[in-house]
Amino acid sequence: MKHLIADAKFTPHEMTFENLDIRTNDSHLSNYFSMRFDRFSDMSDFEEKVRMEGHFDHTEINSDDIAYFAPDLKTWKKRIRLSGNVKGPVASLIGKNLDIRAGANTYFLGDASITGLPEISSTYLDIKANEFRTVYADATAFIPPLKRITNPDLSKLGFVMFTGNFAGFINDFVTYGTIRTGLGTVKADLNLKLQNPAYPVYSGTVSTESLNLGPLLRNDDLGYIGLNATLKGAGFKPNSGNIALDARIKYVDYKNTVTRV
């Protein structure tokens, strides 16, 4: 710690810092932070027994500092800007009115609860995204198994903007909402399992008025498509996957010819 200014309160059961200004080598926190505990010895089990409360305004945190409590995040290497309210122990955090920005291309506005840290692979997320935006490079930094999905080619999406809900684990989750990308907009209600990223298992419904499917599936013959579909399957490759699709196709652009159904 390089700098600390606060109106501080210390008792046998709490440490509270109001009008807070903390600077470390890589992070800057403001403006309120409290740690409460039944006894000071609870500090030895910080993740479970110390109840935190923070009200942050334009706080900047280096992901390396978060990785001290959640080592699985040590590969993120992101500078994160945070505003909002956070409450709970590390193992069960609740965030309200969050504005989180990581770098120039990723941000999140909404509410979230996170249960299970510091083991990110077994952490349960319940997220309401008023708006979430990211790009492929950032998404693979946060969720490394995505790198091993080669078809569909997620890098061709350009950017992803999501409004909706996400519940589950990093590699097994349910999500529903509207997804806007560089290839078009999709409304989805999906369960996706990524325990084997090369052979993802999925089920749910998707609809789109206009999605450029060719670049996503690495198929030069395909262009834009409009459809409502229910799907269930494992893998995305026709020759090795197992896909059940019930679709009402409105139109499809195939070999530069638009066919309406």
C-alpha atoms as a PDB file:
ATOM      1  CA  MET A   1       0.000   0.000   0.000  1.00  0.00           C
ATOM      2  CA  LYS A   2       1.438   3.359  -1.062  1.00  0.00           C
ATOM      3  CA  HIS A   3      -1.272   5.714   0.184  1.00  0.00           C
ATOM      4  CA  LEU A   4      -4.282   5.563   2.529  1.00  0.00           C
ATOM      5  CA  ILE A   5      -6.646   8.354   3.543  1.00  0.00           C
ATOM      6  CA  ALA A   6      -9.979   7.599   5.255  1.00  0.00           C
ATOM      7  CA  ASP A   7     -12.241   8.270   8.182  1.00  0.00           C
ATOM      8  CA  ALA A   8     -11.482   4.940   9.856  1.00  0.00           C
ATOM      9  CA  LYS A   9     -13.357   3.004  12.499  1.00  0.00           C
ATOM     10  CA  PHE A  10     -11.847  -0.039  14.237  1.00  0.00           C
ATOM     11  CA  THR A  11     -13.682  -2.275  16.718  1.00  0.00           C
ATOM     12  CA  PRO A  12     -13.282  -5.965  17.686  1.00  0.00           C
ATOM     13  CA  HIS A  13     -15.895  -6.727  15.016  1.00  0.00           C
ATOM     14  CA  GLU A  14     -15.269  -4.358  12.126  1.00  0.00           C
ATOM     15  CA  MET A  15     -12.915  -2.207  10.113  1.00  0.00           C
ATOM     16  CA  THR A  16     -14.705   0.570   8.268  1.00  0.00           C
ATOM     17  CA  PHE A  17     -13.231   3.222   6.002  1.00  0.00           C
ATOM     18  CA  GLU A  18     -15.363   6.163   4.886  1.00  0.00           C
ATOM     19  CA  ASN A  19     -14.206   8.878   2.460  1.00  0.00           C
ATOM     20  CA  LEU A  20     -11.700   6.279   1.405  1.00  0.00           C
ATOM     21  CA  ASP A  21      -8.725   6.817  -0.883  1.00  0.00           C
ATOM     22  CA  ILE A  22      -6.366   3.817  -1.170  1.00  0.00           C
ATOM     23  CA  ARG A  23      -3.553   3.509  -3.684  1.00  0.00           C
ATOM     24  CA  THR A  24      -1.348   0.477  -4.203  1.00  0.00           C
ATOM     25  CA  ASN A  25       1.218  -0.098  -6.928  1.00  0.00           C
ATOM     26  CA  ASP A  26      -1.529  -1.165  -9.340  1.00  0.00           C
ATOM     27  CA  SER A  27      -4.953  -0.215  -7.897  1.00  0.00           C
ATOM     28  CA  HIS A  28      -6.887   2.807  -6.620  1.00  0.00           C
ATOM     29  CA  LEU A  29      -9.989   2.337  -4.431  1.00  0.00           C
ATOM     30  CA  SER A  30     -12.551   4.889  -3.273  1.00  0.00           C
ATOM     31  CA  ASN A  31     -14.934   5.801  -1.500  1.00  0.00           C
ATOM     32  CA  TYR A  32     -16.298   3.370   1.196  1.00  0.00           C
ATOM     33  CA  PHE A  33     -15.166  -0.067   2.329  1.00  0.00           C
ATOM     34  CA  SER A  34     -16.010  -2.115   5.401  1.00  0.00           C
ATOM     35  CA  MET A  35     -14.979  -5.546   6.722  1.00  0.00           C
ATOM     36  CA  ARG A  36     -17.077  -7.118   9.489  1.00  0.00           C
ATOM     37  CA  PHE A  37     -16.392 -10.330  11.397  1.00  0.00           C
ATOM     38  CA  ASP A  38     -17.491 -12.142  14.560  1.00  0.00           C
ATOM     39  CA  ARG A  39     -13.938 -12.277  15.897  1.00  0.00           C
ATOM     40  CA  PHE A  40     -10.617 -11.024  14.596  1.00  0.00           C
ATOM     41  CA  SER A  41      -9.349 -14.602  14.149  1.00  0.00           C
ATOM     42  CA  ASP A  42     -11.900 -14.877  11.295  1.00  0.00           C
ATOM     43  CA  MET A  43      -9.299 -13.074   9.177  1.00  0.00           C
ATOM     44  CA  SER A  44      -7.558 -16.435   8.835  1.00  0.00           C
ATOM     45  CA  ASP A  45     -10.611 -17.627   6.858  1.00  0.00           C
ATOM     46  CA  PHE A  46     -11.101 -14.370   4.952  1.00  0.00           C
ATOM     47  CA  GLU A  47     -12.967 -15.794   1.938  1.00  0.00           C
ATOM     48  CA  GLU A  48     -15.747 -17.346   4.050  1.00  0.00           C
ATOM     49  CA  LYS A  49     -16.020 -15.410   7.311  1.00  0.00           C
ATOM     50  CA  VAL A  50     -15.219 -11.768   6.614  1.00  0.00           C
ATOM     51  CA  ARG A  51     -18.277  -9.869   5.382  1.00  0.00           C
ATOM     52  CA  MET A  52     -17.305  -7.013   3.102  1.00  0.00           C
ATOM     53  CA  GLU A  53     -19.302  -4.001   1.978  1.00  0.00           C
ATOM     54  CA  GLY A  54     -18.101  -1.541  -0.586  1.00  0.00           C
ATOM     55  CA  HIS A  55     -19.522   1.530  -2.286  1.00  0.00           C
ATOM     56  CA  PHE A  56     -17.137   2.340  -5.102  1.00  0.00           C
ATOM     57  CA  ASP A  57     -16.889   5.376  -7.328  1.00  0.00           C
ATOM     58  CA  HIS A  58     -14.452   5.290 -10.270  1.00  0.00           C
ATOM     59  CA  THR A  59     -12.315   2.662  -8.562  1.00  0.00           C
ATOM     60  CA  GLU A  60      -9.484   1.118 -10.604  1.00  0.00           C
ATOM     61  CA  ILE A  61      -8.338  -2.415  -9.792  1.00  0.00           C
ATOM     62  CA  ASN A  62      -5.616  -4.449 -11.449  1.00  0.00           C
ATOM     63  CA  SER A  63      -6.822  -8.020 -12.005  1.00  0.00           C
ATOM     64  CA  ASP A  64      -3.552  -9.223 -10.446  1.00  0.00           C
ATOM     65  CA  ASP A  65      -4.816  -7.860  -7.119  1.00  0.00           C
ATOM     66  CA  ILE A  66      -8.095  -9.819  -7.473  1.00  0.00           C
ATOM     67  CA  ALA A  67      -6.048 -12.904  -8.340  1.00  0.00           C
ATOM     68  CA  TYR A  68      -4.568 -12.759  -4.826  1.00  0.00           C
ATOM     69  CA  PHE A  69      -7.992 -13.994  -3.653  1.00  0.00           C
ATOM     70  CA  ALA A  70      -8.944 -15.885  -6.843  1.00  0.00           C
ATOM     71  CA  PRO A  71      -5.745 -17.361  -8.364  1.00  0.00           C
ATOM     72  CA  ASP A  72      -7.614 -18.620 -11.453  1.00  0.00           C
ATOM     73  CA  LEU A  73      -7.846 -14.994 -12.589  1.00  0.00           C
ATOM     74  CA  LYS A  74      -4.075 -14.454 -12.772  1.00  0.00           C
ATOM     75  CA  THR A  75      -4.133 -14.782 -16.579  1.00  0.00           C
ATOM     76  CA  TRP A  76      -6.602 -11.913 -17.084  1.00  0.00           C
ATOM     77  CA  LYS A  77      -4.037  -9.097 -16.965  1.00  0.00           C
ATOM     78  CA  LYS A  78      -6.710  -6.404 -17.109  1.00  0.00           C
ATOM     79  CA  ARG A  79      -7.118  -3.010 -15.497  1.00  0.00           C
ATOM     80  CA  ILE A  80     -10.714  -2.886 -14.271  1.00  0.00           C
ATOM     81  CA  ARG A  81     -12.699   0.273 -13.512  1.00  0.00           C
ATOM     82  CA  LEU A  82     -15.570  -0.197 -11.080  1.00  0.00           C
ATOM     83  CA  SER A  83     -18.482   1.835  -9.795  1.00  0.00           C
ATOM     84  CA  GLY A  84     -21.342   0.349  -7.782  1.00  0.00           C
ATOM     85  CA  ASN A  85     -22.164  -1.471  -4.565  1.00  0.00           C
ATOM     86  CA  VAL A  86     -20.711  -4.818  -3.496  1.00  0.00           C
ATOM     87  CA  LYS A  87     -21.613  -6.805  -0.388  1.00  0.00           C
ATOM     88  CA  GLY A  88     -20.762 -10.192   1.148  1.00  0.00           C
ATOM     89  CA  PRO A  89     -17.756 -12.450   1.770  1.00  0.00           C
ATOM     90  CA  VAL A  90     -15.452 -13.322  -1.122  1.00  0.00           C
ATOM     91  CA  ALA A  91     -17.214 -16.711  -1.369  1.00  0.00           C
ATOM     92  CA  SER A  92     -20.659 -15.118  -1.841  1.00  0.00           C
ATOM     93  CA  LEU A  93     -20.590 -11.627  -3.322  1.00  0.00           C
ATOM     94  CA  ILE A  94     -23.587  -9.578  -4.431  1.00  0.00           C
ATOM     95  CA  GLY A  95     -23.166  -6.548  -6.677  1.00  0.00           C
ATOM     96  CA  LYS A  96     -25.820  -3.929  -7.411  1.00  0.00           C
ATOM     97  CA  ASN A  97     -25.868  -1.053  -9.903  1.00  0.00           C
ATOM     98  CA  LEU A  98     -22.507  -2.149 -11.247  1.00  0.00           C
ATOM     99  CA  ASP A  99     -20.566  -0.315 -13.929  1.00  0.00           C
ATOM    100  CA  ILE A 100     -17.514  -2.464 -14.700  1.00  0.00           C
ATOM    101  CA  ARG A 101     -15.086  -1.674 -17.516  1.00  0.00           C
ATOM    102  CA  ALA A 102     -12.049  -3.732 -18.510  1.00  0.00           C
ATOM    103  CA  GLY A 103      -9.855  -2.081 -21.108  1.00  0.00           C
ATOM    104  CA  ALA A 104     -11.349  -0.195 -24.046  1.00  0.00           C
ATOM    105  CA  ASN A 105     -13.635  -2.922 -25.398  1.00  0.00           C
ATOM    106  CA  THR A 106     -15.379  -4.645 -22.489  1.00  0.00           C
ATOM    107  CA  TYR A 107     -17.948  -3.234 -20.082  1.00  0.00           C
ATOM    108  CA  PHE A 108     -20.877  -4.432 -17.970  1.00  0.00           C
ATOM    109  CA  LEU A 109     -23.856  -2.512 -16.574  1.00  0.00           C
ATOM    110  CA  GLY A 110     -26.213  -4.392 -14.250  1.00  0.00           C
ATOM    111  CA  ASP A 111     -26.428  -6.609 -11.157  1.00  0.00           C
ATOM    112  CA  ALA A 112     -24.594  -9.822 -10.308  1.00  0.00           C
ATOM    113  CA  SER A 113     -24.165 -12.407  -7.584  1.00  0.00           C
ATOM    114  CA  ILE A 114     -21.071 -14.620  -7.490  1.00  0.00           C
ATOM    115  CA  THR A 115     -20.897 -17.727  -5.300  1.00  0.00           C
ATOM    116  CA  GLY A 116     -17.907 -20.027  -4.971  1.00  0.00           C
ATOM    117  CA  LEU A 117     -14.804 -17.886  -5.307  1.00  0.00           C
ATOM    118  CA  PRO A 118     -11.848 -18.255  -5.224  1.00  0.00           C
ATOM    119  CA  GLU A 119     -12.209 -21.365  -7.462  1.00  0.00           C
ATOM    120  CA  ILE A 120     -13.456 -19.742 -10.669  1.00  0.00           C
ATOM    121  CA  SER A 121     -14.199 -23.086 -12.397  1.00  0.00           C
ATOM    122  CA  SER A 122     -16.734 -23.981  -9.670  1.00  0.00           C
ATOM    123  CA  THR A 123     -18.094 -20.458  -9.175  1.00  0.00           C
ATOM    124  CA  TYR A 124     -21.808 -19.925  -9.801  1.00  0.00           C
ATOM    125  CA  LEU A 125     -22.828 -16.688 -11.517  1.00  0.00           C
ATOM    126  CA  ASP A 126     -26.271 -15.102 -11.551  1.00  0.00           C
ATOM    127  CA  ILE A 127     -26.124 -12.003 -13.729  1.00  0.00           C
ATOM    128  CA  LYS A 128     -28.669  -9.497 -14.971  1.00  0.00           C
ATOM    129  CA  ALA A 129     -27.054  -7.522 -17.757  1.00  0.00           C
ATOM    130  CA  ASN A 130     -28.673  -4.233 -18.637  1.00  0.00           C
ATOM    131  CA  GLU A 131     -25.828  -4.006 -21.139  1.00  0.00           C
ATOM    132  CA  PHE A 132     -22.722  -6.098 -21.654  1.00  0.00           C
ATOM    133  CA  ARG A 133     -20.217  -5.591 -24.446  1.00  0.00           C
ATOM    134  CA  THR A 134     -17.010  -7.417 -25.290  1.00  0.00           C
ATOM    135  CA  VAL A 135     -14.802  -8.528 -28.182  1.00  0.00           C
ATOM    136  CA  TYR A 136     -13.354 -11.942 -28.953  1.00  0.00           C
ATOM    137  CA  ALA A 137      -9.876 -11.242 -27.533  1.00  0.00           C
ATOM    138  CA  ASP A 138     -11.295 -10.135 -24.193  1.00  0.00           C
ATOM    139  CA  ALA A 139     -13.862 -12.947 -24.050  1.00  0.00           C
ATOM    140  CA  THR A 140     -11.167 -15.607 -24.475  1.00  0.00           C
ATOM    141  CA  ALA A 141      -9.077 -13.961 -21.771  1.00  0.00           C
ATOM    142  CA  PHE A 142     -12.006 -14.206 -19.340  1.00  0.00           C
ATOM    143  CA  ILE A 143     -13.179 -17.672 -20.528  1.00  0.00           C
ATOM    144  CA  PRO A 144     -10.124 -19.525 -21.963  1.00  0.00           C
ATOM    145  CA  PRO A 145     -12.126 -22.621 -23.149  1.00  0.00           C
ATOM    146  CA  LEU A 146     -13.640 -20.420 -25.880  1.00  0.00           C
ATOM    147  CA  LYS A 147     -10.271 -20.445 -27.653  1.00  0.00           C
ATOM    148  CA  ARG A 148     -10.700 -24.136 -28.414  1.00  0.00           C
ATOM    149  CA  ILE A 149     -14.004 -23.639 -30.259  1.00  0.00           C
ATOM    150  CA  THR A 150     -12.998 -23.362 -33.912  1.00  0.00           C
ATOM    151  CA  ASN A 151     -16.376 -23.946 -35.580  1.00  0.00           C
ATOM    152  CA  PRO A 152     -18.362 -21.768 -35.274  1.00  0.00           C
ATOM    153  CA  ASP A 153     -15.605 -19.192 -35.687  1.00  0.00           C
ATOM    154  CA  LEU A 154     -16.458 -16.872 -32.791  1.00  0.00           C
ATOM    155  CA  SER A 155     -13.723 -14.419 -33.769  1.00  0.00           C
ATOM    156  CA  LYS A 156     -15.813 -13.438 -36.811  1.00  0.00           C
ATOM    157  CA  LEU A 157     -18.511 -11.970 -34.562  1.00  0.00           C
ATOM    158  CA  GLY A 158     -16.402  -8.828 -34.185  1.00  0.00           C
ATOM    159  CA  PHE A 159     -18.105  -7.455 -31.088  1.00  0.00           C
ATOM    160  CA  VAL A 160     -20.834  -8.904 -28.872  1.00  0.00           C
ATOM    161  CA  MET A 161     -23.438  -6.806 -27.039  1.00  0.00           C
ATOM    162  CA  PHE A 162     -25.782  -8.688 -24.707  1.00  0.00           C
ATOM    163  CA  THR A 163     -28.880  -7.633 -22.803  1.00  0.00           C
ATOM    164  CA  GLY A 164     -30.493 -10.316 -20.658  1.00  0.00           C
ATOM    165  CA  ASN A 165     -29.733 -12.891 -17.980  1.00  0.00           C
ATOM    166  CA  PHE A 166     -26.950 -15.407 -17.413  1.00  0.00           C
ATOM    167  CA  ALA A 167     -27.017 -18.097 -14.720  1.00  0.00           C
ATOM    168  CA  GLY A 168     -24.630 -20.970 -14.119  1.00  0.00           C
ATOM    169  CA  PHE A 169     -20.941 -21.775 -14.219  1.00  0.00           C
ATOM    170  CA  ILE A 170     -18.275 -20.635 -16.676  1.00  0.00           C
ATOM    171  CA  ASN A 171     -18.497 -23.962 -18.537  1.00  0.00           C
ATOM    172  CA  ASP A 172     -22.184 -24.826 -17.957  1.00  0.00           C
ATOM    173  CA  PHE A 173     -24.752 -22.043 -18.076  1.00  0.00           C
ATOM    174  CA  VAL A 174     -28.196 -20.893 -19.156  1.00  0.00           C
ATOM    175  CA  THR A 175     -28.586 -17.547 -20.872  1.00  0.00           C
ATOM    176  CA  TYR A 176     -31.503 -15.730 -22.408  1.00  0.00           C
ATOM    177  CA  GLY A 177     -31.707 -12.311 -23.981  1.00  0.00           C
ATOM    178  CA  THR A 178     -30.703 -10.359 -27.061  1.00  0.00           C
ATOM    179  CA  ILE A 179     -27.236 -10.704 -28.572  1.00  0.00           C
ATOM    180  CA  ARG A 180     -26.025  -8.085 -31.053  1.00  0.00           C
ATOM    181  CA  THR A 181     -22.861  -8.839 -33.028  1.00  0.00           C
ATOM    182  CA  GLY A 182     -20.948  -7.669 -36.056  1.00  0.00           C
ATOM    183  CA  LEU A 183     -22.734 -10.391 -38.065  1.00  0.00           C
ATOM    184  CA  GLY A 184     -26.282  -9.633 -36.926  1.00  0.00           C
ATOM    185  CA  THR A 185     -28.699  -9.863 -33.994  1.00  0.00           C
ATOM    186  CA  VAL A 186     -29.944 -13.038 -32.304  1.00  0.00           C
ATOM    187  CA  LYS A 187     -32.524 -13.609 -29.590  1.00  0.00           C
ATOM    188  CA  ALA A 188     -31.645 -16.708 -27.615  1.00  0.00           C
ATOM    189  CA  ASP A 189     -32.693 -18.901 -24.706  1.00  0.00           C
ATOM    190  CA  LEU A 190     -29.911 -21.459 -24.450  1.00  0.00           C
ATOM    191  CA  ASN A 191     -28.173 -23.937 -22.185  1.00  0.00           C
ATOM    192  CA  LEU A 192     -24.529 -24.372 -23.182  1.00  0.00           C
ATOM    193  CA  LYS A 193     -22.095 -26.880 -21.681  1.00  0.00           C
ATOM    194  CA  LEU A 194     -18.388 -26.343 -22.386  1.00  0.00           C
ATOM    195  CA  GLN A 195     -16.776 -29.093 -20.308  1.00  0.00           C
ATOM    196  CA  ASN A 196     -15.307 -30.254 -23.621  1.00  0.00           C
ATOM    197  CA  PRO A 197     -14.909 -26.993 -25.599  1.00  0.00           C
ATOM    198  CA  ALA A 198     -14.175 -28.884 -28.822  1.00  0.00           C
ATOM    199  CA  TYR A 199     -17.520 -30.678 -28.487  1.00  0.00           C
ATOM    200  CA  PRO A 200     -19.968 -28.281 -26.778  1.00  0.00           C
ATOM    201  CA  VAL A 201     -23.416 -29.522 -25.756  1.00  0.00           C
ATOM    202  CA  TYR A 202     -26.327 -27.132 -26.252  1.00  0.00           C
ATOM    203  CA  SER A 203     -30.119 -26.882 -26.274  1.00  0.00           C
ATOM    204  CA  GLY A 204     -32.689 -24.108 -26.514  1.00  0.00           C
ATOM    205  CA  THR A 205     -34.235 -21.657 -28.944  1.00  0.00           C
ATOM    206  CA  VAL A 206     -32.789 -18.959 -31.207  1.00  0.00           C
ATOM    207  CA  SER A 207     -34.331 -16.481 -33.603  1.00  0.00           C
ATOM    208  CA  THR A 208     -32.906 -13.871 -35.936  1.00  0.00           C
ATOM    209  CA  GLU A 209     -34.182 -11.526 -38.595  1.00  0.00           C
ATOM    210  CA  SER A 210     -30.776 -11.187 -40.230  1.00  0.00           C
ATOM    211  CA  LEU A 211     -27.596 -13.104 -39.339  1.00  0.00           C
ATOM    212  CA  ASN A 212     -24.591 -13.509 -41.641  1.00  0.00           C
ATOM    213  CA  LEU A 213     -24.123 -17.216 -41.028  1.00  0.00           C
ATOM    214  CA  GLY A 214     -21.376 -17.949 -43.588  1.00  0.00           C
ATOM    215  CA  PRO A 215     -18.367 -16.376 -41.822  1.00  0.00           C
ATOM    216  CA  LEU A 216     -19.502 -17.867 -38.510  1.00  0.00           C
ATOM    217  CA  LEU A 217     -19.636 -21.413 -39.939  1.00  0.00           C
ATOM    218  CA  ARG A 218     -16.636 -20.936 -42.278  1.00  0.00           C
ATOM    219  CA  ASN A 219     -18.883 -21.591 -45.290  1.00  0.00           C
ATOM    220  CA  ASP A 220     -18.418 -19.245 -48.239  1.00  0.00           C
ATOM    221  CA  ASP A 221     -21.665 -20.430 -49.861  1.00  0.00           C
ATOM    222  CA  LEU A 222     -23.817 -19.147 -46.995  1.00  0.00           C
ATOM    223  CA  GLY A 223     -24.863 -15.553 -46.456  1.00  0.00           C
ATOM    224  CA  TYR A 224     -27.623 -14.027 -44.370  1.00  0.00           C
ATOM    225  CA  ILE A 225     -30.433 -16.058 -42.839  1.00  0.00           C
ATOM    226  CA  GLY A 226     -33.661 -15.320 -40.970  1.00  0.00           C
ATOM    227  CA  LEU A 227     -35.174 -18.056 -38.808  1.00  0.00           C
ATOM    228  CA  ASN A 228     -36.871 -19.224 -35.642  1.00  0.00           C
ATOM    229  CA  ALA A 229     -35.341 -22.460 -34.384  1.00  0.00           C
ATOM    230  CA  THR A 230     -35.299 -24.980 -31.586  1.00  0.00           C
ATOM    231  CA  LEU A 231     -32.045 -26.866 -31.408  1.00  0.00           C
ATOM    232  CA  LYS A 232     -30.375 -29.559 -29.389  1.00  0.00           C
ATOM    233  CA  GLY A 233     -27.018 -31.079 -30.050  1.00  0.00           C
ATOM    234  CA  ALA A 234     -23.377 -31.704 -29.345  1.00  0.00           C
ATOM    235  CA  GLY A 235     -20.671 -30.207 -31.529  1.00  0.00           C
ATOM    236  CA  PHE A 236     -21.239 -27.992 -34.542  1.00  0.00           C
ATOM    237  CA  LYS A 237     -19.608 -29.956 -37.366  1.00  0.00           C
ATOM    238  CA  PRO A 238     -22.151 -31.820 -39.540  1.00  0.00           C
ATOM    239  CA  ASN A 239     -19.762 -34.736 -40.134  1.00  0.00           C
ATOM    240  CA  SER A 240     -18.904 -35.292 -36.460  1.00  0.00           C
ATOM    241  CA  GLY A 241     -21.593 -33.551 -34.426  1.00  0.00           C
ATOM    242  CA  ASN A 242     -25.038 -34.663 -33.342  1.00  0.00           C
ATOM    243  CA  ILE A 243     -27.529 -31.906 -34.120  1.00  0.00           C
ATOM    244  CA  ALA A 244     -31.330 -31.901 -33.912  1.00  0.00           C
ATOM    245  CA  LEU A 245     -32.859 -28.773 -35.437  1.00  0.00           C
ATOM    246  CA  ASP A 246     -36.502 -27.774 -35.770  1.00  0.00           C
ATOM    247  CA  ALA A 247     -36.522 -24.495 -37.673  1.00  0.00           C
ATOM    248  CA  ARG A 248     -38.872 -22.169 -39.470  1.00  0.00           C
ATOM    249  CA  ILE A 249     -36.595 -20.519 -42.007  1.00  0.00           C
ATOM    250  CA  LYS A 250     -37.885 -17.185 -43.305  1.00  0.00           C
ATOM    251  CA  TYR A 251     -35.175 -16.807 -45.925  1.00  0.00           C
ATOM    252  CA  VAL A 252     -31.634 -17.918 -46.653  1.00  0.00           C
ATOM    253  CA  ASP A 253     -28.898 -16.470 -48.868  1.00  0.00           C
ATOM    254  CA  TYR A 254     -27.098 -19.430 -50.470  1.00  0.00           C
ATOM    255  CA  LYS A 255     -24.517 -18.930 -53.239  1.00  0.00           C
ATOM    256  CA  ASN A 256     -25.639 -15.310 -53.577  1.00  0.00           C
ATOM    257  CA  THR A 257     -29.251 -16.331 -54.213  1.00  0.00           C
ATOM    258  CA  VAL A 258     -31.915 -15.397 -51.643  1.00  0.00           C
ATOM    259  CA  THR A 259     -34.606 -18.031 -51.158  1.00  0.00           C
ATOM    260  CA  ARG A 260     -37.681 -17.118 -49.128  1.00  0.00           C
ATOM    261  CA  VAL A 261     -39.701 -19.839 -47.454  1.00  0.00           C
END
